[in-house]
Each structure stands twice: as structure tokens, then as C-alpha cells.
Amino acid sequence: MKDKDKVNETYYSSIERQGYNRRDFLKFVAYIGAYMGVESSAIGQITKALERTPRLPVIWEHFQECTCCSESFIRSDHPIVADIILDKISLDYTLTLMAASGHQAEAAKKATMDKYKGEYILCVEGSIPLGADGNYCCIGGRSAVEILKESAAGAKAIIAWGSCATSGCVQAAKPNPTGAVPINKIITDKPIINVPGCPPIGEVMAGIIVHIVAFGKMPELDNAGRPKAFYSKRVHDSCYRRPYFDAGLFVENFDDENAKKGYCLYKVGCKGPSTYNACGNMKWNGGVSYPIQSGHGCLGCSAKDFWDAGSFYSRDLSIGGDVESNADTLGKVALGATAVGIGVHAILANASKRKELKDGIDQGIENEKKLEDL
């Protein structure tokens, strides 16, 4: 197929060209739609959009980072995620994944920026160093600051992949020798979608791109610029160890009997109660597990400045009292003492459960009466 034909190729055509059938395509749509959290009625809209929409022009820049975001993306649980997105991206520009390099790669990038000015999506992986006039990160003799500003100028929107791009991550940790900053400190005149995590979940990354393609707009964001579909709940809220937290059953040391029983990891540093991400629902490694399920507490890697928040193995003192607290209100109900935090949290959870049980019993009685009347 000629490059010109590929440019006008739809996502569905691309999937067919790569050997997938209609059934595979519909499975993918249902799969990614579920991860995006859309209603079942929207699945048809996603299907039609991927059938009719020409590929989304994407430029993917790499700056101060370890490439773990790209690594996460290409290891998505669903094979079409990589094929539908990365096969298209490689036609534009991404230093890590594209076959071209040097002048050839830069020429492809410039061609995309010129032809699709105001239409392409700019994805950025990594923080931007401002120290030493930006010389801590240079590509082809140009600083990251210069390259970012040039690439962002004609972008329709920007997706900041990972904690490096969204908050600076380890590069910006104290004492921040390179003067690293997140993307939103440099670019202030473009819409930015923040996708924190070290790295983000591959399916989350794919879901955001598919959302833009399917609905022609950015997903709904919280006050930190994160997609609510993936960052509206705490890791704690979907954790299978949560009942142990509510019951006050904790691991005291990683090799004690409580650890073997799978008790809550809060006391050995788990940051799940104050970290917003979809790890517990979507998981990693093909949907098999995530850090907590592997026996290690959440590091809080999608939280801002998590590297400077203290030891990964110290107790999290910022637990909110409201069990259903969301990302927009976290901190408003923070409790000062760990013991009080655990106690109030458990009381509220148990009260909620008792009410739910009572409501269920009342509803059951009412249903029985209706059946008797019939």
C-alpha cells in the first residue's frame, strides 16, 4: 500500500489489512469501550467512528524519561490496541518506535506538522529541563524546550504521558538539579490531557486516543487535568484487600503471617487510600495482577510529587474520611492522625454497609408483598 493510501486509511481498514476479522474488531470496540467507561449505547458510535475516521495524525515526543510509557503501551493486553494505534503513529513521528531516524525522521515530522497544522495530536513523554538554558536534554543539537514549543504550536491538543510529563516525576524530585518541569509549565495555550502514572496503564492510554477519535473531543477531565473515566476513584476503592482495611487487619512486616494471609498493606506504606488510578480494576500484565496483588503496596506513582512525599514504606497520613471521596474533593476531609483516620474510615464504611443491608432487606420485603398481591 502506498503511503498516500495509508494516510487516508480508516482505523477499521487498517485492522482488516493486518489480518483481523469483523468479529475481532467488534470485540476490540467492546473491550476498549468498557475500559473507557462509556454506556453500552455508545459502543455503536465508537464502531462507526473507527470504521469511517481516517487515522489521527500523532506526533510523540520523548524528553527526560525512561520510555516506560511507550513500553507500557506496546504491552497492552489486547493486540489490536498496539496495532490500531502504534501502526498509525509510526507513520508520523515517535523516535522510540518508528523505523526511520535522523534527517528522514525529522522530515516526516515536519511534513505532518505542516500538512495537519491545527489537527494533529501531540503526545509528550518526559519532563522538560529548564536548567543550564535547557542543555540538560538536547536532541540533534536542539533543546527539549525548543522542540516542545515547536511541536506544540500547531497541535490540536496535547497528551502528557506519565508522571514525568504531568508533574516532573523523579527528575523534578528535590533538589531537582536539571530544573525539570512538567509540560503544563511550558505550554499554557493548548488543551492538555494529563495521564499520570509511572508508567500509565497501556489500555488507559489507548482508551484516551480512541475517545478523541470516536467522539471528536477530549474526555471529561478532573481539576488536575486527568480523564475522569480512569482517575475518578482511589486505588483503595477497588482493592481486593479493602475488607481487611475496614476490619483493621494489617500487614505489620512484609514477611509476617498477616502478609501471608493477604491482609491490608496500609501499615507498610501502601498509598492506595490517597492515590487515584484504575490499577485495581484494569490491572497489569494482561489483566493478571497489579503491585498490591503482587504483595507490594501502591507507591502512589500517579500522585503529584510522589517522589518527595516521604518513604514508600511509611504510613499514608492523608486518608480522607469519606469512603466515596473523589479526586476533586480529596484533602477537604483529610484527617490529622492515622489512628483517627483508620477509625473514622472504618466506622463510615461499616455504617454504609449496614444501611445498604437494611435497604436490601426492606426492598426484599416490599418485593415479596408485591408478589403476594399478584
Protein backbone atom coordinates (compact mmCIF):
# COMPACT_ATOMS: atom_id res chain seq x y z
CA MET A 1 0.00 0.00 0.00
CA LYS A 2 1.26 3.45 -0.90
CA ASP A 3 1.91 5.97 1.89
CA LYS A 4 -0.77 8.26 0.44
CA ASP A 5 -3.36 5.49 0.74
CA LYS A 6 -2.30 4.75 4.30
CA VAL A 7 -2.75 8.38 5.28
CA ASN A 8 -6.41 8.25 4.22
CA GLU A 9 -6.94 4.76 5.61
CA THR A 10 -9.52 4.36 8.38
CA TYR A 11 -8.81 2.52 11.60
CA TYR A 12 -11.08 -0.35 10.60
CA SER A 13 -9.38 -0.68 7.21
CA SER A 14 -6.05 -0.82 8.98
CA ILE A 15 -7.30 -3.60 11.25
CA GLU A 16 -8.56 -5.59 8.25
CA ARG A 17 -5.27 -5.08 6.43
CA GLN A 18 -3.43 -6.58 9.39
CA GLY A 19 -5.46 -9.79 9.25
CA TYR A 20 -8.17 -9.21 11.84
CA ASN A 21 -11.79 -10.06 11.01
CA ARG A 22 -15.01 -8.23 11.83
CA ARG A 23 -15.51 -10.26 14.99
CA ASP A 24 -12.05 -9.30 16.27
CA PHE A 25 -12.83 -5.65 15.57
CA LEU A 26 -16.15 -5.70 17.45
CA LYS A 27 -14.51 -7.48 20.39
CA PHE A 28 -11.91 -4.72 20.50
CA VAL A 29 -14.58 -2.00 20.41
CA ALA A 30 -16.48 -3.60 23.30
CA TYR A 31 -13.22 -4.14 25.19
CA ILE A 32 -11.93 -0.59 24.87
CA GLY A 33 -15.42 0.88 25.41
CA ALA A 34 -15.69 -0.96 28.71
CA TYR A 35 -12.31 0.38 29.80
CA MET A 36 -13.36 3.89 28.75
CA GLY A 37 -16.41 3.57 30.98
CA VAL A 38 -18.91 4.55 28.26
CA GLU A 39 -22.52 3.39 28.21
CA SER A 40 -23.39 0.42 26.04
CA SER A 41 -25.34 2.75 23.74
CA ALA A 42 -22.08 4.50 22.85
CA ILE A 43 -20.43 1.33 21.55
CA GLY A 44 -22.13 1.82 18.18
CA GLN A 45 -20.75 5.34 17.94
CA ILE A 46 -17.22 4.10 18.63
CA THR A 47 -17.67 1.38 16.00
CA LYS A 48 -18.82 3.83 13.32
CA ALA A 49 -16.07 6.31 14.16
CA LEU A 50 -13.32 3.71 13.82
CA GLU A 51 -14.89 2.47 10.57
CA ARG A 52 -15.10 5.91 8.96
CA THR A 53 -12.45 8.10 10.57
CA PRO A 54 -9.07 8.45 8.84
CA ARG A 55 -6.16 7.87 11.15
CA LEU A 56 -5.43 10.54 13.72
CA PRO A 57 -2.14 12.35 12.95
CA VAL A 58 0.07 11.94 16.03
CA ILE A 59 3.50 13.24 16.95
CA TRP A 60 5.04 11.58 20.01
CA GLU A 61 7.97 13.39 21.63
CA HIS A 62 10.43 11.94 24.16
CA PHE A 63 12.36 14.09 26.62
CA GLN A 64 13.59 13.39 30.19
CA GLU A 65 12.10 9.93 30.81
CA CYS A 66 12.85 6.21 30.78
CA THR A 67 10.45 5.27 27.93
CA CYS A 68 8.32 3.21 30.33
CA CYS A 69 5.14 4.85 28.96
CA SER A 70 5.86 3.56 25.46
CA GLU A 71 6.84 0.19 26.93
CA SER A 72 3.54 0.02 28.77
CA PHE A 73 1.60 0.97 25.64
CA ILE A 74 3.08 -1.67 23.37
CA ARG A 75 2.45 -4.34 26.00
CA SER A 76 -1.27 -3.76 26.16
CA ASP A 77 -3.40 -6.81 26.96
CA HIS A 78 -5.30 -6.54 23.68
CA PRO A 79 -3.24 -6.98 20.47
CA ILE A 80 -5.35 -4.56 18.44
CA VAL A 81 -4.53 -1.75 20.89
CA ALA A 82 -0.96 -1.72 19.65
CA ASP A 83 -1.91 -2.35 16.02
CA ILE A 84 -4.65 0.26 15.76
CA ILE A 85 -2.66 3.00 17.45
CA LEU A 86 1.04 2.32 17.13
CA ASP A 87 0.88 1.23 13.50
CA LYS A 88 -0.65 4.61 12.75
CA ILE A 89 1.65 6.60 14.98
CA SER A 90 4.71 5.11 13.33
CA LEU A 91 3.68 6.85 10.11
CA ASP A 92 4.12 10.21 11.77
CA TYR A 93 6.78 10.58 14.43
CA THR A 94 7.97 8.76 17.55
CA LEU A 95 11.70 8.36 17.99
CA THR A 96 11.41 5.18 20.03
CA LEU A 97 9.06 3.18 17.81
CA MET A 98 9.45 4.45 14.25
CA ALA A 99 11.74 2.75 11.79
CA ALA A 100 13.18 5.98 10.37
CA SER A 101 15.86 8.02 12.11
CA GLY A 102 17.92 11.16 11.67
CA HIS A 103 17.01 13.51 8.82
CA GLN A 104 14.42 11.08 7.46
CA ALA A 105 12.55 11.02 10.77
CA GLU A 106 12.67 14.78 11.18
CA ALA A 107 11.40 15.26 7.63
CA ALA A 108 8.41 13.02 8.38
CA LYS A 109 7.66 15.01 11.50
CA LYS A 110 7.83 18.36 9.69
CA ALA A 111 5.59 17.05 6.91
CA THR A 112 2.96 16.02 9.46
CA MET A 113 3.17 19.35 11.29
CA ASP A 114 2.79 21.32 8.05
CA LYS A 115 0.04 19.21 6.45
CA TYR A 116 -2.05 18.74 9.59
CA LYS A 117 -1.49 22.05 11.34
CA GLY A 118 -4.18 22.51 13.97
CA GLU A 119 -5.33 18.89 13.57
CA TYR A 120 -2.61 16.61 14.93
CA ILE A 121 -2.31 15.35 18.49
CA LEU A 122 0.98 15.90 20.30
CA CYS A 123 1.90 13.20 22.79
CA VAL A 124 4.74 14.01 25.17
CA GLU A 125 6.69 11.57 27.32
CA GLY A 126 9.13 13.06 29.82
CA SER A 127 9.77 16.27 31.72
CA ILE A 128 11.44 19.42 30.38
CA PRO A 129 14.67 20.70 31.96
CA LEU A 130 14.99 24.47 32.24
CA GLY A 131 18.40 24.50 33.95
CA ALA A 132 21.56 25.48 32.05
CA ASP A 133 19.42 27.05 29.31
CA GLY A 134 17.79 23.71 28.61
CA ASN A 135 21.07 21.97 27.77
CA TYR A 136 20.43 19.02 30.07
CA CYS A 137 18.22 17.48 27.39
CA CYS A 138 19.13 18.07 23.75
CA ILE A 139 18.16 16.11 20.64
CA GLY A 140 20.00 16.76 17.40
CA GLY A 141 21.58 19.85 18.91
CA ARG A 142 18.24 21.37 19.94
CA SER A 143 16.91 21.68 23.49
CA ALA A 144 13.78 19.93 24.70
CA VAL A 145 12.19 23.33 25.39
CA GLU A 146 12.70 24.45 21.80
CA ILE A 147 11.45 21.18 20.33
CA LEU A 148 8.37 21.10 22.59
CA LYS A 149 7.34 24.64 21.71
CA GLU A 150 7.74 23.96 18.00
CA SER A 151 5.74 20.73 18.13
CA ALA A 152 3.01 22.22 20.30
CA ALA A 153 2.49 25.29 18.13
CA GLY A 154 0.32 23.51 15.54
CA ALA A 155 -1.17 20.82 17.80
CA LYS A 156 -4.90 20.46 18.32
CA ALA A 157 -4.33 19.09 21.82
CA ILE A 158 -1.54 17.62 23.93
CA ILE A 159 -1.48 14.35 25.84
CA ALA A 160 1.11 14.29 28.63
CA TRP A 161 2.02 10.63 29.14
CA GLY A 162 3.21 9.55 32.57
CA SER A 163 4.23 11.31 35.76
CA CYS A 164 7.35 12.82 34.17
CA ALA A 165 5.29 14.83 31.70
CA THR A 166 2.44 15.58 34.11
CA SER A 167 4.33 16.53 37.27
CA GLY A 168 8.07 16.15 36.65
CA CYS A 169 8.41 12.81 38.49
CA VAL A 170 11.86 11.70 39.66
CA GLN A 171 13.69 14.29 37.54
CA ALA A 172 11.90 17.07 39.42
CA ALA A 173 12.40 15.49 42.84
CA LYS A 174 14.40 17.56 45.31
CA PRO A 175 16.89 19.03 44.71
CA ASN A 176 15.84 18.92 41.02
CA PRO A 177 19.33 19.51 39.57
CA THR A 178 18.15 19.95 35.96
CA GLY A 179 15.27 22.30 36.81
CA ALA A 180 12.79 19.78 35.39
CA VAL A 181 9.18 20.88 34.96
CA PRO A 182 6.01 19.24 33.59
CA ILE A 183 4.57 20.11 30.19
CA ASN A 184 1.90 22.45 31.53
CA LYS A 185 4.59 24.77 32.89
CA ILE A 186 5.84 25.38 29.35
CA ILE A 187 2.71 25.14 27.20
CA THR A 188 -0.20 27.19 28.53
CA ASP A 189 -2.24 27.94 25.41
CA LYS A 190 -3.26 24.40 24.41
CA PRO A 191 -5.64 21.88 25.99
CA ILE A 192 -3.61 19.26 27.86
CA ILE A 193 -4.74 15.80 28.98
CA ASN A 194 -2.66 14.62 31.93
CA VAL A 195 -2.22 10.83 32.13
CA PRO A 196 -0.08 10.27 35.24
CA GLY A 197 1.50 7.02 36.33
CA CYS A 198 4.97 5.55 36.28
CA PRO A 199 4.00 4.28 33.79
CA PRO A 200 0.29 4.71 32.95
CA ILE A 201 -1.70 1.57 32.10
CA GLY A 202 -1.49 0.74 28.39
CA GLU A 203 -5.26 0.36 27.99
CA VAL A 204 -5.78 3.77 29.62
CA MET A 205 -3.51 5.33 27.02
CA ALA A 206 -5.31 3.59 24.17
CA GLY A 207 -8.72 4.48 25.60
CA ILE A 208 -7.91 8.19 25.61
CA ILE A 209 -6.85 8.19 21.95
CA VAL A 210 -9.89 6.13 20.95
CA HIS A 211 -12.13 8.58 22.84
CA ILE A 212 -10.77 11.51 20.85
CA VAL A 213 -11.23 9.59 17.60
CA ALA A 214 -14.73 8.32 18.43
CA PHE A 215 -16.24 11.45 19.96
CA GLY A 216 -14.18 14.19 18.33
CA LYS A 217 -13.38 15.83 21.65
CA MET A 218 -11.29 15.42 24.77
CA PRO A 219 -12.57 13.15 27.54
CA GLU A 220 -14.04 14.74 30.65
CA LEU A 221 -11.19 15.84 32.94
CA ASP A 222 -10.92 16.43 36.68
CA ASN A 223 -9.38 19.52 38.26
CA ALA A 224 -5.91 18.03 37.75
CA GLY A 225 -6.49 17.60 34.02
CA ARG A 226 -6.84 13.80 34.29
CA PRO A 227 -9.54 11.77 32.47
CA LYS A 228 -12.27 11.04 35.00
CA ALA A 229 -13.00 7.68 33.36
CA PHE A 230 -9.68 6.39 34.68
CA TYR A 231 -8.74 8.64 37.61
CA SER A 232 -12.00 9.29 39.48
CA LYS A 233 -11.56 6.52 42.04
CA ARG A 234 -8.83 5.70 44.50
CA VAL A 235 -6.83 2.50 44.12
CA HIS A 236 -8.12 1.78 47.62
CA ASP A 237 -11.75 1.76 46.45
CA SER A 238 -11.27 -1.16 44.07
CA CYS A 239 -8.67 -3.04 46.12
CA TYR A 240 -9.50 -6.65 46.95
CA ARG A 241 -7.71 -6.14 50.30
CA ARG A 242 -10.12 -3.33 51.23
CA PRO A 243 -12.27 -5.51 53.57
CA TYR A 244 -9.17 -6.16 55.67
CA PHE A 245 -8.59 -2.40 55.97
CA ASP A 246 -12.15 -1.88 57.15
CA ALA A 247 -11.75 -4.72 59.64
CA GLY A 248 -8.45 -3.34 60.97
CA LEU A 249 -6.38 -6.30 59.79
CA PHE A 250 -2.97 -5.12 58.58
CA VAL A 251 0.39 -6.45 57.47
CA GLU A 252 2.97 -5.30 60.03
CA ASN A 253 6.03 -6.61 58.15
CA PHE A 254 6.36 -7.98 54.64
CA ASP A 255 7.35 -11.44 55.91
CA ASP A 256 4.87 -11.82 58.77
CA GLU A 257 1.87 -14.16 58.96
CA ASN A 258 -0.51 -11.34 58.12
CA ALA A 259 1.30 -10.80 54.81
CA LYS A 260 0.87 -14.49 54.01
CA LYS A 261 -2.85 -14.15 54.72
CA GLY A 262 -3.16 -11.24 52.29
CA TYR A 263 -4.10 -8.57 54.84
CA CYS A 264 -4.11 -4.83 54.06
CA LEU A 265 -0.72 -3.28 53.23
CA TYR A 266 -1.50 0.19 54.58
CA LYS A 267 0.84 0.00 57.57
CA VAL A 268 3.81 -0.98 55.38
CA GLY A 269 3.38 2.06 53.17
CA CYS A 270 0.56 1.41 50.68
CA LYS A 271 -0.59 4.74 49.21
CA GLY A 272 -3.74 3.27 47.69
CA PRO A 273 -6.08 5.22 50.02
CA SER A 274 -4.94 8.55 48.56
CA THR A 275 -3.93 7.60 45.00
CA TYR A 276 -6.30 7.94 42.05
CA ASN A 277 -5.84 5.37 39.30
CA ALA A 278 -7.52 2.38 37.67
CA CYS A 279 -4.92 -0.23 38.67
CA GLY A 280 -7.31 -2.31 40.79
CA ASN A 281 -9.92 -2.51 38.01
CA MET A 282 -7.80 -2.81 34.88
CA LYS A 283 -4.64 -4.34 36.33
CA TRP A 284 -1.38 -5.07 34.52
CA ASN A 285 0.38 -7.95 32.80
CA GLY A 286 -2.54 -8.90 30.63
CA GLY A 287 -5.06 -8.16 33.36
CA VAL A 288 -3.42 -10.69 35.68
CA SER A 289 -2.21 -8.54 38.59
CA TYR A 290 -1.04 -5.18 39.89
CA PRO A 291 1.50 -4.20 42.60
CA ILE A 292 -0.85 -4.71 45.56
CA GLN A 293 -1.89 -8.12 44.26
CA SER A 294 1.79 -8.98 43.90
CA GLY A 295 2.34 -8.25 47.59
CA HIS A 296 3.72 -4.71 47.44
CA GLY A 297 1.92 -1.56 48.47
CA CYS A 298 0.93 1.16 45.99
CA LEU A 299 3.72 3.74 45.61
CA GLY A 300 1.28 6.48 44.65
CA CYS A 301 3.05 6.92 41.31
CA SER A 302 0.13 8.78 39.72
CA ALA A 303 0.04 11.34 42.56
CA LYS A 304 1.78 14.68 42.11
CA ASP A 305 5.28 14.89 43.60
CA PHE A 306 5.11 11.31 44.86
CA TRP A 307 8.92 11.08 44.92
CA ASP A 308 9.04 13.82 47.58
CA ALA A 309 6.12 12.52 49.64
CA GLY A 310 8.30 10.53 52.01
CA SER A 311 9.33 6.89 52.16
CA PHE A 312 7.44 4.39 50.04
CA TYR A 313 7.22 2.29 53.19
CA SER A 314 5.86 4.90 55.62
CA ARG A 315 2.18 5.12 56.51
CA ASP A 316 -0.01 7.42 54.46
CA LEU A 317 -1.36 10.14 56.75
CA SER A 318 -3.60 11.79 54.14
CA ILE A 319 -6.54 9.37 54.15
CA GLY A 320 -9.89 11.06 53.63
CA GLY A 321 -12.77 10.16 55.91
CA ASP A 322 -15.35 9.91 53.13
CA VAL A 323 -15.28 6.43 51.61
CA GLU A 324 -16.66 7.71 48.32
CA SER A 325 -14.35 10.75 48.16
CA ASN A 326 -13.39 11.64 44.60
CA ALA A 327 -10.37 13.33 43.04
CA ASP A 328 -11.94 16.79 43.13
CA THR A 329 -12.55 16.80 46.89
CA LEU A 330 -9.56 14.90 48.25
CA GLY A 331 -7.88 16.82 51.06
CA LYS A 332 -11.01 18.67 52.18
CA VAL A 333 -11.74 15.86 54.62
CA ALA A 334 -8.17 14.79 55.40
CA LEU A 335 -7.66 13.66 58.97
CA GLY A 336 -4.72 14.63 61.12
CA ALA A 337 -3.95 11.36 62.91
CA THR A 338 -3.51 7.93 61.43
CA ALA A 339 -5.45 6.16 64.19
CA VAL A 340 -8.38 8.55 63.86
CA GLY A 341 -8.24 8.21 60.11
CA ILE A 342 -8.50 4.44 60.21
CA GLY A 343 -11.22 4.54 62.87
CA VAL A 344 -13.45 7.06 61.12
CA HIS A 345 -12.89 5.38 57.77
CA ALA A 346 -13.95 2.01 59.18
CA ILE A 347 -16.95 3.48 61.02
CA LEU A 348 -18.22 5.21 57.91
CA ALA A 349 -17.67 2.11 55.80
CA ASN A 350 -19.49 -0.13 58.27
CA ALA A 351 -22.34 2.36 58.63
CA SER A 352 -22.69 2.47 54.88
CA LYS A 353 -22.72 -1.32 54.71
CA ARG A 354 -25.36 -1.57 57.45
CA LYS A 355 -27.57 0.92 55.61
CA GLU A 356 -27.10 -0.98 52.35
CA LEU A 357 -28.03 -4.24 54.07
CA LYS A 358 -31.11 -2.68 55.72
CA ASP A 359 -32.24 -1.15 52.42
CA GLY A 360 -31.80 -4.52 50.75
CA ILE A 361 -33.91 -6.27 53.39
CA ASP A 362 -36.63 -3.61 53.16
CA GLN A 363 -36.64 -3.88 49.39
CA GLY A 364 -36.88 -7.65 49.63
CA ILE A 365 -39.90 -7.43 51.94
CA GLU A 366 -41.56 -4.94 49.61
CA ASN A 367 -40.96 -7.21 46.61
CA GLU A 368 -42.47 -10.17 48.46
CA LYS A 369 -45.59 -8.12 49.24
CA LYS A 370 -45.93 -7.19 45.56
CA LEU A 371 -45.65 -10.84 44.57
CA GLU A 372 -48.34 -11.78 47.12
CA ASP A 373 -50.65 -9.07 45.73
CA LEU A 374 -50.23 -10.53 42.26
